[in-house]
Amino acid sequence: AATNGTGNITGDPMFVDKGLGYGTTNVVGNYRLSPNSPCINAGMNQNWMTNGVDLDGMMRIRYGTVDMGAYERINKGAIFSVR
């Protein structure tokens, strides 16, 4: 069920590979955010996050605003070929 308030979404968070089941029947998934996730840069920055890290040990705030969830999405950037 959705909860009204700041910092909530009602759509699909677009995880890379969400697990199946709930509680003790949960199947492990990859809860990192896909490139088009609405959760990217949608969190609320907190003072502790300045030096905080995500579950991968990466900086918690990248690109100005924290992502929602346990992992911060890292944009790979564009690849250019010079001839």
C-alpha atoms as a PDB file:
ATOM      1  CA  ALA A   1       0.000   0.000   0.000  1.00  0.00           C
ATOM      2  CA  ALA A   2       1.211   3.483  -0.820  1.00  0.00           C
ATOM      3  CA  THR A   3       1.796   6.042   1.900  1.00  0.00           C
ATOM      4  CA  ASN A   4       1.189   9.727   1.251  1.00  0.00           C
ATOM      5  CA  GLY A   5       4.062  12.088   1.885  1.00  0.00           C
ATOM      6  CA  THR A   6       7.392  13.323   0.606  1.00  0.00           C
ATOM      7  CA  GLY A   7       9.855  10.722  -0.612  1.00  0.00           C
ATOM      8  CA  ASN A   8       7.342   8.098  -1.755  1.00  0.00           C
ATOM      9  CA  ILE A   9       6.674   6.742  -5.225  1.00  0.00           C
ATOM     10  CA  THR A  10       3.644   4.862  -6.512  1.00  0.00           C
ATOM     11  CA  GLY A  11       5.186   3.401  -9.677  1.00  0.00           C
ATOM     12  CA  ASP A  12       7.741   0.716 -10.425  1.00  0.00           C
ATOM     13  CA  PRO A  13      11.158   1.676  -8.969  1.00  0.00           C
ATOM     14  CA  MET A  14      12.768  -0.146 -11.911  1.00  0.00           C
ATOM     15  CA  PHE A  15      15.284  -2.322 -10.065  1.00  0.00           C
ATOM     16  CA  VAL A  16      17.839  -4.158 -12.210  1.00  0.00           C
ATOM     17  CA  ASP A  17      16.370  -7.528 -11.108  1.00  0.00           C
ATOM     18  CA  LYS A  18      13.833  -7.454  -8.278  1.00  0.00           C
ATOM     19  CA  GLY A  19      13.574 -10.615  -6.211  1.00  0.00           C
ATOM     20  CA  LEU A  20      10.454 -12.735  -5.902  1.00  0.00           C
ATOM     21  CA  GLY A  21       8.363 -13.424  -2.817  1.00  0.00           C
ATOM     22  CA  TYR A  22       8.234 -11.707   0.553  1.00  0.00           C
ATOM     23  CA  GLY A  23       9.728 -12.239   3.996  1.00  0.00           C
ATOM     24  CA  THR A  24      11.254 -15.699   4.439  1.00  0.00           C
ATOM     25  CA  THR A  25      10.210 -16.766   0.918  1.00  0.00           C
ATOM     26  CA  ASN A  26      12.137 -13.928  -0.731  1.00  0.00           C
ATOM     27  CA  VAL A  27      14.409 -14.851  -3.641  1.00  0.00           C
ATOM     28  CA  VAL A  28      17.519 -12.692  -3.841  1.00  0.00           C
ATOM     29  CA  GLY A  29      17.533 -10.036  -6.564  1.00  0.00           C
ATOM     30  CA  ASN A  30      19.626  -7.097  -7.720  1.00  0.00           C
ATOM     31  CA  TYR A  31      18.089  -4.003  -6.146  1.00  0.00           C
ATOM     32  CA  ARG A  32      20.330  -1.495  -7.889  1.00  0.00           C
ATOM     33  CA  LEU A  33      18.459   1.085  -9.971  1.00  0.00           C
ATOM     34  CA  SER A  34      18.063   0.779 -13.744  1.00  0.00           C
ATOM     35  CA  PRO A  35      19.175   3.802 -15.824  1.00  0.00           C
ATOM     36  CA  ASN A  36      15.611   5.166 -16.229  1.00  0.00           C
ATOM     37  CA  SER A  37      14.427   4.586 -12.652  1.00  0.00           C
ATOM     38  CA  PRO A  38      12.238   7.340 -11.135  1.00  0.00           C
ATOM     39  CA  CYS A  39      14.209   6.815  -7.895  1.00  0.00           C
ATOM     40  CA  ILE A  40      17.418   8.324  -9.299  1.00  0.00           C
ATOM     41  CA  ASN A  41      18.099  11.695  -7.641  1.00  0.00           C
ATOM     42  CA  ALA A  42      14.700  11.451  -5.928  1.00  0.00           C
ATOM     43  CA  GLY A  43      15.820  10.958  -2.315  1.00  0.00           C
ATOM     44  CA  MET A  44      16.196  13.468   0.492  1.00  0.00           C
ATOM     45  CA  ASN A  45      19.759  14.499   1.343  1.00  0.00           C
ATOM     46  CA  GLN A  46      20.631  14.222   5.037  1.00  0.00           C
ATOM     47  CA  ASN A  47      23.701  15.625   6.840  1.00  0.00           C
ATOM     48  CA  TRP A  48      25.112  12.149   7.602  1.00  0.00           C
ATOM     49  CA  MET A  49      25.181  11.340   3.882  1.00  0.00           C
ATOM     50  CA  THR A  50      27.988  13.827   3.191  1.00  0.00           C
ATOM     51  CA  ASN A  51      30.556  11.142   4.065  1.00  0.00           C
ATOM     52  CA  GLY A  52      28.160   8.175   3.889  1.00  0.00           C
ATOM     53  CA  VAL A  53      28.398   5.222   1.516  1.00  0.00           C
ATOM     54  CA  ASP A  54      25.868   2.865  -0.056  1.00  0.00           C
ATOM     55  CA  LEU A  55      25.898  -0.955   0.233  1.00  0.00           C
ATOM     56  CA  ASP A  56      28.600  -1.119  -2.464  1.00  0.00           C
ATOM     57  CA  GLY A  57      30.819   1.272  -0.484  1.00  0.00           C
ATOM     58  CA  MET A  58      30.320   4.083  -3.006  1.00  0.00           C
ATOM     59  CA  MET A  59      29.633   7.738  -2.084  1.00  0.00           C
ATOM     60  CA  ARG A  60      26.002   8.124  -1.008  1.00  0.00           C
ATOM     61  CA  ILE A  61      25.410  11.460  -2.730  1.00  0.00           C
ATOM     62  CA  ARG A  62      26.442  11.662  -6.382  1.00  0.00           C
ATOM     63  CA  TYR A  63      25.232  14.236  -8.888  1.00  0.00           C
ATOM     64  CA  GLY A  64      23.784  16.517  -6.172  1.00  0.00           C
ATOM     65  CA  THR A  65      20.848  14.514  -4.782  1.00  0.00           C
ATOM     66  CA  VAL A  66      20.813  11.082  -3.180  1.00  0.00           C
ATOM     67  CA  ASP A  67      18.981   8.252  -4.923  1.00  0.00           C
ATOM     68  CA  MET A  68      16.143   6.425  -3.173  1.00  0.00           C
ATOM     69  CA  GLY A  69      17.107   2.956  -1.960  1.00  0.00           C
ATOM     70  CA  ALA A  70      20.243   1.240  -0.710  1.00  0.00           C
ATOM     71  CA  TYR A  71      22.383   1.812  -3.812  1.00  0.00           C
ATOM     72  CA  GLU A  72      23.477   5.007  -5.532  1.00  0.00           C
ATOM     73  CA  ARG A  73      23.230   4.804  -9.330  1.00  0.00           C
ATOM     74  CA  ILE A  74      26.528   5.557 -11.062  1.00  0.00           C
ATOM     75  CA  ASN A  75      26.137   6.918 -14.582  1.00  0.00           C
ATOM     76  CA  LYS A  76      28.664   5.357 -16.909  1.00  0.00           C
ATOM     77  CA  GLY A  77      28.706   8.397 -19.200  1.00  0.00           C
ATOM     78  CA  ALA A  78      29.042   8.502 -22.946  1.00  0.00           C
ATOM     79  CA  ILE A  79      31.677   6.571 -24.863  1.00  0.00           C
ATOM     80  CA  PHE A  80      33.410   8.382 -27.695  1.00  0.00           C
ATOM     81  CA  SER A  81      35.645   6.923 -30.364  1.00  0.00           C
ATOM     82  CA  VAL A  82      38.320   9.198 -31.819  1.00  0.00           C
ATOM     83  CA  ARG A  83      39.927   8.315 -35.143  1.00  0.00           C
END
